[in-house]
Structures are given as structure tokens and as C-alpha cells.
Amino acid sequence: MTDSEPIRLQKYLAETGICSRRDAEVLIREGEVWVNAVKAIPGQKVTPGVDRVTVSGKPIRNLKPQPKITLAMHKPRGLVCSNDDPFNPQTVFDLLPREFSKYRFFCAGRLDKESEGLLILTTDGDLANRLMHPSNVVVKRYFVSLKKPFPQSRIPQLVRGITVDNEHLKVETATLVNAGKSAESESMDVSMHHGKKREIRVLFGKLGYDVKRLRRYQIGSFPLKGIPMRAMKQLSIKEINSLFKDPGAHPLAVALRPRRSPSKRSRNRETGVSRPAL
């Protein structure tokens, strides 16, 4: 993005780290964005370094595009995924290493305060929008621990879904974990690719089964495994692309197949919180 190249306003706001492109479109429609003292309109273009842009009354002064950094974090319980929440002073952004704290990151698919697991943070507004947009069908997988056993016979209700406050809540797949002969379990493995606010908790709760613990362990074909609690890993381009890949068979179904001896390449595969090999 050069100082003389006009670009769409929402792209400019995303690349300078003000907000995601999706949030920028909302702010523009709500009249919160002004260009050269005139209310902005959807689809408008601006010239960085020339046009004067304000968001919610605050001017954007000579902001340059941020480097595109994407992190996979193992979020603990007790932290919120908001950049600015006066009621919850502790956020996931407090866990960022000092080298990344100067950049503005977006949560590409939030987890509520009491949930844990795989969370994607990125400075790339376009990537955040792609990960959150329903049309891209990004599959997310969760381990759900309930306060009482859930019966196999009620799984179709989870998949068909229910309507709560004019919103249809559902999961794509649901499987009992360690059910045994009883055909019921307090542990479940579920997947979904939309993810409305607290959807899993509300869905199970409305069916009479309160959630005790909720952990997201995979997005696309990228797993949480290997990232310690409260730590994070910077993702390579290949790993970012894996977020959009079909994860294939259900993990529990894979576990039932005969195991093969691990290859030398898989034994040496890098895990943890290291830098990516681009």
C-alpha cells in the first residue's frame, strides 16, 4: 500500500490495524467513519497519506500497514478476547510477547471467557475476515465436558438444532466420548463451522445439559496439540492455509483405525512455540 495508491476504505482500516475489514464495513454503515470531514460511504476509496480519516471521532494519523503476523494461542480460561473491555481488564492480548505487543491483533473467531483452547490472533484483517466469514466453511472442533451424561439418542437434536431468540443454533457433528455400553457420556466431541456467541453453551443448556468445560482443539486441519497453555506459535504460510483445509474424518473415527508406524518425517515434525519455517 503506497501513499499515492487509492484503496477501499475498509481495506485501509484493516491493514492499519484499526479493525477487521468486516468490522470496518459495519462502522462505515453506522456512520462512525469520516473522510475529509464527510461521512464515508460503503465502497469508498481513500489515498493513504493524503485523505484525512477519522473513526468514532478519532483521527488516523499517518498509520502504516502492519506486518502480517498470525499466531496460534492456547487460550486459558478467565481471559476475554476483546481488545477493549472495561469489565474484564485481563485479555488474551496480555499474553502477547513483548516483540508483538506493539501491533494490533484481531481474534479470528473468539472463545468466551470461560472457554479454552485454540485461538487464532492475526494482524491481517483480510485473513481474519476469511476465517470468520460463514461462506468459507472453516471447521472448528471442540471437546465438551457436561455436568451430566448426554444420551446417544439425543444427538440428532444437536445436529438439527434449535431456535433461540430468532437464531438457529446447531452443530455439524457430535460424538460421545468413552460412552461404553451405556450409550451416554459426560464427554463429547463436536464440530461446527459458524460459531455464534456462546452457541455451544446455549445449545446444550437449552437441552438441559450445562457445559462444565469447553475446549477448542482444532481449526481446519491445524491442531492445538503441541502448544502449551498460555503459549503461542507463529504460523507459517503452510500452517495458515491448513486452517482452511477439510480436516477429513472425525478424530474419533480415525482413532478406531489400525495404527501405522510413524514415519521419520512425522517423528521429527516441529511442535511447540517456535518460529515458522516459511
C-alpha atoms as a PDB file:
ATOM      1  CA  MET A   1       0.000   0.000   0.000  1.00  0.00           C
ATOM      2  CA  THR A   2       1.762   3.200  -1.186  1.00  0.00           C
ATOM      3  CA  ASP A   3       0.951   6.797  -0.279  1.00  0.00           C
ATOM      4  CA  SER A   4      -0.363   7.502  -3.805  1.00  0.00           C
ATOM      5  CA  GLU A   5      -2.445   4.388  -4.371  1.00  0.00           C
ATOM      6  CA  PRO A   6      -6.197   4.730  -3.635  1.00  0.00           C
ATOM      7  CA  ILE A   7      -7.636   1.689  -1.882  1.00  0.00           C
ATOM      8  CA  ARG A   8     -11.012   0.782  -0.413  1.00  0.00           C
ATOM      9  CA  LEU A   9     -11.599   2.377   2.958  1.00  0.00           C
ATOM     10  CA  GLN A  10     -12.387  -0.876   4.757  1.00  0.00           C
ATOM     11  CA  LYS A  11      -9.158  -2.410   3.418  1.00  0.00           C
ATOM     12  CA  TYR A  12      -7.196   0.613   4.664  1.00  0.00           C
ATOM     13  CA  LEU A  13      -8.720   0.334   8.153  1.00  0.00           C
ATOM     14  CA  ALA A  14      -7.953  -3.390   8.262  1.00  0.00           C
ATOM     15  CA  GLU A  15      -4.352  -3.084   7.064  1.00  0.00           C
ATOM     16  CA  THR A  16      -3.575  -0.301   9.530  1.00  0.00           C
ATOM     17  CA  GLY A  17      -4.877  -2.419  12.400  1.00  0.00           C
ATOM     18  CA  ILE A  18      -7.868  -0.264  13.325  1.00  0.00           C
ATOM     19  CA  CYS A  19     -10.324  -3.150  12.985  1.00  0.00           C
ATOM     20  CA  SER A  20     -11.081  -6.120  10.772  1.00  0.00           C
ATOM     21  CA  ARG A  21     -12.475  -5.469   7.299  1.00  0.00           C
ATOM     22  CA  ARG A  22     -15.802  -6.893   8.407  1.00  0.00           C
ATOM     23  CA  ASP A  23     -15.960  -4.552  11.414  1.00  0.00           C
ATOM     24  CA  ALA A  24     -14.904  -1.645   9.198  1.00  0.00           C
ATOM     25  CA  GLU A  25     -17.892  -2.235   6.939  1.00  0.00           C
ATOM     26  CA  VAL A  26     -20.167  -2.090   9.978  1.00  0.00           C
ATOM     27  CA  LEU A  27     -18.559   1.132  11.240  1.00  0.00           C
ATOM     28  CA  ILE A  28     -18.955   2.747   7.813  1.00  0.00           C
ATOM     29  CA  ARG A  29     -22.634   1.780   7.597  1.00  0.00           C
ATOM     30  CA  GLU A  30     -23.217   3.133  11.107  1.00  0.00           C
ATOM     31  CA  GLY A  31     -21.695   6.491  10.185  1.00  0.00           C
ATOM     32  CA  GLU A  32     -18.680   6.164  12.500  1.00  0.00           C
ATOM     33  CA  VAL A  33     -16.118   6.735   9.725  1.00  0.00           C
ATOM     34  CA  TRP A  34     -15.489  10.114   8.115  1.00  0.00           C
ATOM     35  CA  VAL A  35     -13.140  11.061   5.258  1.00  0.00           C
ATOM     36  CA  ASN A  36     -12.062  14.687   4.849  1.00  0.00           C
ATOM     37  CA  ALA A  37     -14.861  15.802   7.244  1.00  0.00           C
ATOM     38  CA  VAL A  38     -17.515  13.998   5.161  1.00  0.00           C
ATOM     39  CA  LYS A  39     -19.326  10.861   6.308  1.00  0.00           C
ATOM     40  CA  ALA A  40     -17.887   7.849   4.487  1.00  0.00           C
ATOM     41  CA  ILE A  41     -19.981   5.555   2.302  1.00  0.00           C
ATOM     42  CA  PRO A  42     -19.602   1.799   1.653  1.00  0.00           C
ATOM     43  CA  GLY A  43     -17.107   1.045  -1.109  1.00  0.00           C
ATOM     44  CA  GLN A  44     -15.404   4.435  -0.872  1.00  0.00           C
ATOM     45  CA  LYS A  45     -11.701   4.671  -1.678  1.00  0.00           C
ATOM     46  CA  VAL A  46      -9.073   6.720   0.130  1.00  0.00           C
ATOM     47  CA  THR A  47      -5.497   7.690  -0.595  1.00  0.00           C
ATOM     48  CA  PRO A  48      -3.272   6.936   2.418  1.00  0.00           C
ATOM     49  CA  GLY A  49      -1.184   9.913   3.459  1.00  0.00           C
ATOM     50  CA  VAL A  50      -3.493  12.308   1.599  1.00  0.00           C
ATOM     51  CA  ASP A  51      -7.055  11.793   2.835  1.00  0.00           C
ATOM     52  CA  ARG A  52      -7.921  12.548   6.469  1.00  0.00           C
ATOM     53  CA  VAL A  53      -9.796   9.630   8.048  1.00  0.00           C
ATOM     54  CA  THR A  54     -11.472   9.581  11.453  1.00  0.00           C
ATOM     55  CA  VAL A  55     -13.102   6.642  13.236  1.00  0.00           C
ATOM     56  CA  SER A  56     -15.578   7.368  16.031  1.00  0.00           C
ATOM     57  CA  GLY A  57     -14.226  10.905  16.148  1.00  0.00           C
ATOM     58  CA  LYS A  58     -10.580   9.855  16.470  1.00  0.00           C
ATOM     59  CA  PRO A  59      -8.240  10.789  13.608  1.00  0.00           C
ATOM     60  CA  ILE A  60      -5.984   8.210  11.984  1.00  0.00           C
ATOM     61  CA  ARG A  61      -2.620   9.915  11.622  1.00  0.00           C
ATOM     62  CA  ASN A  62      -0.059   8.533   9.199  1.00  0.00           C
ATOM     63  CA  LEU A  63      -0.622   4.892  10.110  1.00  0.00           C
ATOM     64  CA  LYS A  64       1.390   2.436   8.059  1.00  0.00           C
ATOM     65  CA  PRO A  65       0.334  -1.107   7.272  1.00  0.00           C
ATOM     66  CA  GLN A  66       1.345  -3.614   9.938  1.00  0.00           C
ATOM     67  CA  PRO A  67       3.424  -6.682   9.113  1.00  0.00           C
ATOM     68  CA  LYS A  68       1.179  -9.696   8.617  1.00  0.00           C
ATOM     69  CA  ILE A  69       1.653 -11.877  11.684  1.00  0.00           C
ATOM     70  CA  THR A  70      -0.577 -14.806  12.628  1.00  0.00           C
ATOM     71  CA  LEU A  71      -0.342 -16.615  15.944  1.00  0.00           C
ATOM     72  CA  ALA A  72      -1.985 -19.756  17.289  1.00  0.00           C
ATOM     73  CA  MET A  73      -2.550 -19.380  21.037  1.00  0.00           C
ATOM     74  CA  HIS A  74      -3.535 -21.919  23.687  1.00  0.00           C
ATOM     75  CA  LYS A  75      -6.053 -19.735  25.495  1.00  0.00           C
ATOM     76  CA  PRO A  76      -6.644 -20.415  29.196  1.00  0.00           C
ATOM     77  CA  ARG A  77      -9.922 -19.887  30.987  1.00  0.00           C
ATOM     78  CA  GLY A  78     -10.505 -16.498  32.595  1.00  0.00           C
ATOM     79  CA  LEU A  79      -9.346 -14.236  29.754  1.00  0.00           C
ATOM     80  CA  VAL A  80     -11.585 -12.402  27.284  1.00  0.00           C
ATOM     81  CA  CYS A  81     -10.933 -11.984  23.566  1.00  0.00           C
ATOM     82  CA  SER A  82     -11.721  -8.271  23.401  1.00  0.00           C
ATOM     83  CA  ASN A  83      -9.226  -5.511  22.643  1.00  0.00           C
ATOM     84  CA  ASP A  84     -11.121  -3.141  24.924  1.00  0.00           C
ATOM     85  CA  ASP A  85     -13.434  -4.448  27.654  1.00  0.00           C
ATOM     86  CA  PRO A  86     -13.745  -2.210  30.751  1.00  0.00           C
ATOM     87  CA  PHE A  87     -15.494  -5.007  32.693  1.00  0.00           C
ATOM     88  CA  ASN A  88     -12.753  -7.567  32.018  1.00  0.00           C
ATOM     89  CA  PRO A  89      -9.293  -5.994  32.376  1.00  0.00           C
ATOM     90  CA  GLN A  90      -7.469  -9.275  31.626  1.00  0.00           C
ATOM     91  CA  THR A  91      -7.462 -10.172  27.935  1.00  0.00           C
ATOM     92  CA  VAL A  92      -5.699 -12.691  25.689  1.00  0.00           C
ATOM     93  CA  PHE A  93      -3.637  -9.802  24.318  1.00  0.00           C
ATOM     94  CA  ASP A  94      -1.897  -9.529  27.696  1.00  0.00           C
ATOM     95  CA  LEU A  95      -0.193 -12.846  26.848  1.00  0.00           C
ATOM     96  CA  LEU A  96       1.497 -11.472  23.718  1.00  0.00           C
ATOM     97  CA  PRO A  97       5.305 -11.494  23.859  1.00  0.00           C
ATOM     98  CA  ARG A  98       6.876  -8.044  24.058  1.00  0.00           C
ATOM     99  CA  GLU A  99       8.009  -8.206  20.437  1.00  0.00           C
ATOM    100  CA  PHE A 100       4.370  -8.448  19.279  1.00  0.00           C
ATOM    101  CA  SER A 101       2.711  -6.157  21.839  1.00  0.00           C
ATOM    102  CA  LYS A 102       3.237  -3.057  19.675  1.00  0.00           C
ATOM    103  CA  TYR A 103       0.954  -4.436  16.947  1.00  0.00           C
ATOM    104  CA  ARG A 104      -2.832  -4.570  16.914  1.00  0.00           C
ATOM    105  CA  PHE A 105      -4.090  -8.137  16.635  1.00  0.00           C
ATOM    106  CA  PHE A 106      -7.585  -9.409  15.866  1.00  0.00           C
ATOM    107  CA  CYS A 107      -9.170 -12.556  17.264  1.00  0.00           C
ATOM    108  CA  ALA A 108     -10.238 -14.573  14.227  1.00  0.00           C
ATOM    109  CA  GLY A 109     -13.054 -16.484  15.919  1.00  0.00           C
ATOM    110  CA  ARG A 110     -13.400 -15.741  19.619  1.00  0.00           C
ATOM    111  CA  LEU A 111     -13.709 -18.023  22.622  1.00  0.00           C
ATOM    112  CA  ASP A 112     -15.779 -16.853  25.579  1.00  0.00           C
ATOM    113  CA  LYS A 113     -14.159 -16.048  28.914  1.00  0.00           C
ATOM    114  CA  GLU A 114     -14.663 -19.494  30.450  1.00  0.00           C
ATOM    115  CA  SER A 115     -13.646 -21.450  27.334  1.00  0.00           C
ATOM    116  CA  GLU A 116     -10.121 -22.532  26.445  1.00  0.00           C
ATOM    117  CA  GLY A 117      -8.093 -23.914  23.586  1.00  0.00           C
ATOM    118  CA  LEU A 118      -7.014 -22.946  20.098  1.00  0.00           C
ATOM    119  CA  LEU A 119      -7.333 -19.240  19.310  1.00  0.00           C
ATOM    120  CA  ILE A 120      -6.042 -17.505  16.174  1.00  0.00           C
ATOM    121  CA  LEU A 121      -4.673 -13.970  16.554  1.00  0.00           C
ATOM    122  CA  THR A 122      -3.639 -12.047  13.460  1.00  0.00           C
ATOM    123  CA  THR A 123      -2.673  -8.557  12.315  1.00  0.00           C
ATOM    124  CA  ASP A 124      -4.022  -9.456   8.874  1.00  0.00           C
ATOM    125  CA  GLY A 125      -7.563  -8.055   8.650  1.00  0.00           C
ATOM    126  CA  ASP A 126      -8.254  -9.894   5.392  1.00  0.00           C
ATOM    127  CA  LEU A 127      -7.270 -13.224   6.944  1.00  0.00           C
ATOM    128  CA  ALA A 128      -9.434 -12.553   9.997  1.00  0.00           C
ATOM    129  CA  ASN A 129     -12.379 -11.833   7.714  1.00  0.00           C
ATOM    130  CA  ARG A 130     -11.806 -15.032   5.709  1.00  0.00           C
ATOM    131  CA  LEU A 131     -11.636 -17.151   8.845  1.00  0.00           C
ATOM    132  CA  MET A 132     -14.843 -15.689  10.277  1.00  0.00           C
ATOM    133  CA  HIS A 133     -16.967 -15.424   7.140  1.00  0.00           C
ATOM    134  CA  PRO A 134     -19.580 -18.225   7.026  1.00  0.00           C
ATOM    135  CA  SER A 135     -19.157 -18.749   3.268  1.00  0.00           C
ATOM    136  CA  ASN A 136     -15.645 -20.152   3.803  1.00  0.00           C
ATOM    137  CA  VAL A 137     -16.914 -23.066   5.948  1.00  0.00           C
ATOM    138  CA  VAL A 138     -13.944 -23.185   8.339  1.00  0.00           C
ATOM    139  CA  VAL A 139     -14.452 -26.290  10.503  1.00  0.00           C
ATOM    140  CA  LYS A 140     -13.793 -25.919  14.243  1.00  0.00           C
ATOM    141  CA  ARG A 141     -13.674 -28.877  16.632  1.00  0.00           C
ATOM    142  CA  TYR A 142     -14.373 -28.833  20.348  1.00  0.00           C
ATOM    143  CA  PHE A 143     -14.165 -31.132  23.354  1.00  0.00           C
ATOM    144  CA  VAL A 144     -17.227 -30.588  25.542  1.00  0.00           C
ATOM    145  CA  SER A 145     -17.470 -31.754  29.153  1.00  0.00           C
ATOM    146  CA  LEU A 146     -21.008 -31.760  30.596  1.00  0.00           C
ATOM    147  CA  LYS A 147     -22.338 -31.779  34.144  1.00  0.00           C
ATOM    148  CA  LYS A 148     -24.394 -34.908  33.459  1.00  0.00           C
ATOM    149  CA  PRO A 149     -24.331 -37.698  30.840  1.00  0.00           C
ATOM    150  CA  PHE A 150     -25.714 -36.919  27.386  1.00  0.00           C
ATOM    151  CA  PRO A 151     -27.530 -39.829  25.655  1.00  0.00           C
ATOM    152  CA  GLN A 152     -26.706 -41.031  22.156  1.00  0.00           C
ATOM    153  CA  SER A 153     -30.426 -40.851  21.317  1.00  0.00           C
ATOM    154  CA  ARG A 154     -30.446 -37.038  21.618  1.00  0.00           C
ATOM    155  CA  ILE A 155     -27.532 -36.348  19.270  1.00  0.00           C
ATOM    156  CA  PRO A 156     -29.910 -35.755  16.295  1.00  0.00           C
ATOM    157  CA  GLN A 157     -31.316 -32.789  18.255  1.00  0.00           C
ATOM    158  CA  LEU A 158     -27.860 -31.205  18.344  1.00  0.00           C
ATOM    159  CA  VAL A 159     -27.419 -31.636  14.592  1.00  0.00           C
ATOM    160  CA  ARG A 160     -30.931 -30.462  13.667  1.00  0.00           C
ATOM    161  CA  GLY A 161     -30.569 -27.595  16.095  1.00  0.00           C
ATOM    162  CA  ILE A 162     -32.992 -25.347  17.951  1.00  0.00           C
ATOM    163  CA  THR A 163     -34.088 -21.729  17.580  1.00  0.00           C
ATOM    164  CA  VAL A 164     -33.308 -19.335  20.425  1.00  0.00           C
ATOM    165  CA  ASP A 165     -34.140 -15.615  20.193  1.00  0.00           C
ATOM    166  CA  ASN A 166     -34.666 -15.923  16.425  1.00  0.00           C
ATOM    167  CA  GLU A 167     -31.263 -17.578  15.919  1.00  0.00           C
ATOM    168  CA  HIS A 168     -30.832 -21.186  14.833  1.00  0.00           C
ATOM    169  CA  LEU A 169     -28.210 -22.954  16.942  1.00  0.00           C
ATOM    170  CA  LYS A 170     -26.721 -26.280  15.852  1.00  0.00           C
ATOM    171  CA  VAL A 171     -23.554 -28.345  15.472  1.00  0.00           C
ATOM    172  CA  GLU A 172     -22.373 -30.128  12.336  1.00  0.00           C
ATOM    173  CA  THR A 173     -21.287 -33.332  14.054  1.00  0.00           C
ATOM    174  CA  ALA A 174     -21.446 -34.691  17.581  1.00  0.00           C
ATOM    175  CA  THR A 175     -19.925 -37.870  19.019  1.00  0.00           C
ATOM    176  CA  LEU A 176     -19.946 -39.321  22.524  1.00  0.00           C
ATOM    177  CA  VAL A 177     -16.515 -39.914  24.049  1.00  0.00           C
ATOM    178  CA  ASN A 178     -15.967 -43.061  26.154  1.00  0.00           C
ATOM    179  CA  ALA A 179     -19.670 -43.923  26.125  1.00  0.00           C
ATOM    180  CA  GLY A 180     -19.286 -47.681  26.527  1.00  0.00           C
ATOM    181  CA  LYS A 181     -22.377 -49.861  26.754  1.00  0.00           C
ATOM    182  CA  SER A 182     -24.438 -47.165  28.446  1.00  0.00           C
ATOM    183  CA  ALA A 183     -24.757 -45.174  25.177  1.00  0.00           C
ATOM    184  CA  GLU A 184     -24.332 -41.920  27.123  1.00  0.00           C
ATOM    185  CA  SER A 185     -21.399 -39.819  28.265  1.00  0.00           C
ATOM    186  CA  GLU A 186     -20.476 -36.566  30.003  1.00  0.00           C
ATOM    187  CA  SER A 187     -17.804 -36.011  27.334  1.00  0.00           C
ATOM    188  CA  MET A 188     -18.491 -35.118  23.700  1.00  0.00           C
ATOM    189  CA  ASP A 189     -16.611 -34.207  20.549  1.00  0.00           C
ATOM    190  CA  VAL A 190     -18.472 -31.676  18.384  1.00  0.00           C
ATOM    191  CA  SER A 191     -17.685 -29.707  15.235  1.00  0.00           C
ATOM    192  CA  MET A 192     -19.195 -26.605  13.694  1.00  0.00           C
ATOM    193  CA  HIS A 193     -18.281 -24.002  11.082  1.00  0.00           C
ATOM    194  CA  HIS A 194     -20.331 -20.960  12.047  1.00  0.00           C
ATOM    195  CA  GLY A 195     -19.933 -20.216  15.760  1.00  0.00           C
ATOM    196  CA  LYS A 196     -22.352 -17.628  17.079  1.00  0.00           C
ATOM    197  CA  LYS A 197     -21.645 -16.142  20.502  1.00  0.00           C
ATOM    198  CA  ARG A 198     -21.629 -18.879  23.187  1.00  0.00           C
ATOM    199  CA  GLU A 199     -23.500 -21.124  20.732  1.00  0.00           C
ATOM    200  CA  ILE A 200     -22.366 -24.479  22.145  1.00  0.00           C
ATOM    201  CA  ARG A 201     -23.065 -23.475  25.741  1.00  0.00           C
ATOM    202  CA  VAL A 202     -26.515 -22.108  24.910  1.00  0.00           C
ATOM    203  CA  LEU A 203     -27.440 -25.079  22.708  1.00  0.00           C
ATOM    204  CA  PHE A 204     -26.563 -27.702  25.330  1.00  0.00           C
ATOM    205  CA  GLY A 205     -28.042 -25.572  28.111  1.00  0.00           C
ATOM    206  CA  LYS A 206     -31.401 -25.241  26.386  1.00  0.00           C
ATOM    207  CA  LEU A 207     -31.495 -29.025  26.008  1.00  0.00           C
ATOM    208  CA  GLY A 208     -30.926 -29.381  29.752  1.00  0.00           C
ATOM    209  CA  TYR A 209     -27.203 -30.184  29.779  1.00  0.00           C
ATOM    210  CA  ASP A 210     -24.969 -27.479  31.248  1.00  0.00           C
ATOM    211  CA  VAL A 211     -21.400 -27.270  29.950  1.00  0.00           C
ATOM    212  CA  LYS A 212     -18.686 -27.773  32.566  1.00  0.00           C
ATOM    213  CA  ARG A 213     -15.693 -27.320  30.270  1.00  0.00           C
ATOM    214  CA  LEU A 214     -15.292 -26.295  26.633  1.00  0.00           C
ATOM    215  CA  ARG A 215     -12.023 -26.600  24.721  1.00  0.00           C
ATOM    216  CA  ARG A 216     -11.427 -25.930  21.019  1.00  0.00           C
ATOM    217  CA  TYR A 217      -8.732 -28.312  19.829  1.00  0.00           C
ATOM    218  CA  GLN A 218      -8.650 -27.903  16.044  1.00  0.00           C
ATOM    219  CA  ILE A 219      -9.405 -25.407  13.282  1.00  0.00           C
ATOM    220  CA  GLY A 220      -9.460 -26.819   9.765  1.00  0.00           C
ATOM    221  CA  SER A 221      -6.652 -29.365   9.819  1.00  0.00           C
ATOM    222  CA  PHE A 222      -4.486 -27.334  12.241  1.00  0.00           C
ATOM    223  CA  PRO A 223      -4.391 -28.885  15.752  1.00  0.00           C
ATOM    224  CA  LEU A 224      -3.853 -27.344  19.172  1.00  0.00           C
ATOM    225  CA  LYS A 225      -1.535 -30.227  20.077  1.00  0.00           C
ATOM    226  CA  GLY A 226       2.000 -29.132  20.896  1.00  0.00           C
ATOM    227  CA  ILE A 227       1.148 -25.606  22.075  1.00  0.00           C
ATOM    228  CA  PRO A 228       1.375 -25.325  25.894  1.00  0.00           C
ATOM    229  CA  MET A 229      -1.294 -23.496  27.895  1.00  0.00           C
ATOM    230  CA  ARG A 230      -0.876 -19.677  27.703  1.00  0.00           C
ATOM    231  CA  ALA A 231       1.769 -20.067  24.983  1.00  0.00           C
ATOM    232  CA  MET A 232       1.564 -19.418  21.255  1.00  0.00           C
ATOM    233  CA  LYS A 233       3.178 -20.287  17.964  1.00  0.00           C
ATOM    234  CA  GLN A 234       3.732 -18.029  14.962  1.00  0.00           C
ATOM    235  CA  LEU A 235       2.224 -19.732  11.934  1.00  0.00           C
ATOM    236  CA  SER A 236       3.899 -20.301   8.606  1.00  0.00           C
ATOM    237  CA  ILE A 237       2.053 -19.784   5.327  1.00  0.00           C
ATOM    238  CA  LYS A 238       1.521 -23.544   5.088  1.00  0.00           C
ATOM    239  CA  GLU A 239       0.029 -23.646   8.582  1.00  0.00           C
ATOM    240  CA  ILE A 240      -2.235 -20.676   7.824  1.00  0.00           C
ATOM    241  CA  ASN A 241      -3.501 -22.475   4.728  1.00  0.00           C
ATOM    242  CA  SER A 242      -4.217 -25.569   6.832  1.00  0.00           C
ATOM    243  CA  LEU A 243      -6.824 -23.558   8.777  1.00  0.00           C
ATOM    244  CA  PHE A 244      -8.998 -23.653   5.662  1.00  0.00           C
ATOM    245  CA  LYS A 245      -8.444 -27.310   4.778  1.00  0.00           C
ATOM    246  CA  ASP A 246     -11.036 -30.030   5.219  1.00  0.00           C
ATOM    247  CA  PRO A 247      -9.941 -31.843   8.391  1.00  0.00           C
ATOM    248  CA  GLY A 248     -11.181 -35.124   6.943  1.00  0.00           C
ATOM    249  CA  ALA A 249     -12.557 -37.944   9.038  1.00  0.00           C
ATOM    250  CA  HIS A 250     -13.721 -37.347  12.575  1.00  0.00           C
ATOM    251  CA  PRO A 251     -10.802 -37.763  15.038  1.00  0.00           C
ATOM    252  CA  LEU A 252     -12.629 -40.478  16.958  1.00  0.00           C
ATOM    253  CA  ALA A 253     -13.246 -42.401  13.760  1.00  0.00           C
ATOM    254  CA  VAL A 254      -9.559 -42.145  12.889  1.00  0.00           C
ATOM    255  CA  ALA A 255      -8.676 -43.476  16.332  1.00  0.00           C
ATOM    256  CA  LEU A 256     -10.544 -46.686  15.557  1.00  0.00           C
ATOM    257  CA  ARG A 257      -8.397 -47.454  12.529  1.00  0.00           C
ATOM    258  CA  PRO A 258      -5.283 -49.664  12.795  1.00  0.00           C
ATOM    259  CA  ARG A 259      -2.252 -47.589  13.727  1.00  0.00           C
ATOM    260  CA  ARG A 260       0.702 -47.305  11.388  1.00  0.00           C
ATOM    261  CA  SER A 261       4.263 -46.908  12.488  1.00  0.00           C
ATOM    262  CA  PRO A 262       5.178 -43.205  12.443  1.00  0.00           C
ATOM    263  CA  SER A 263       7.464 -42.098   9.649  1.00  0.00           C
ATOM    264  CA  LYS A 264      10.782 -40.466  10.335  1.00  0.00           C
ATOM    265  CA  ARG A 265       9.375 -37.215   8.986  1.00  0.00           C
ATOM    266  CA  SER A 266       6.397 -37.272  11.346  1.00  0.00           C
ATOM    267  CA  ARG A 267       8.652 -38.126  14.338  1.00  0.00           C
ATOM    268  CA  ASN A 268      10.768 -35.097  13.591  1.00  0.00           C
ATOM    269  CA  ARG A 269       7.869 -32.744  12.932  1.00  0.00           C
ATOM    270  CA  GLU A 270       8.221 -29.486  14.800  1.00  0.00           C
ATOM    271  CA  THR A 271       5.767 -28.610  17.556  1.00  0.00           C
ATOM    272  CA  GLY A 272       5.647 -26.016  20.322  1.00  0.00           C
ATOM    273  CA  VAL A 273       6.066 -22.258  20.281  1.00  0.00           C
ATOM    274  CA  SER A 274       8.881 -21.824  17.810  1.00  0.00           C
ATOM    275  CA  ARG A 275       9.181 -19.670  14.731  1.00  0.00           C
ATOM    276  CA  PRO A 276       7.738 -20.900  11.438  1.00  0.00           C
ATOM    277  CA  ALA A 277       9.791 -22.179   8.555  1.00  0.00           C
ATOM    278  CA  LEU A 278       8.378 -20.104   5.700  1.00  0.00           C
END
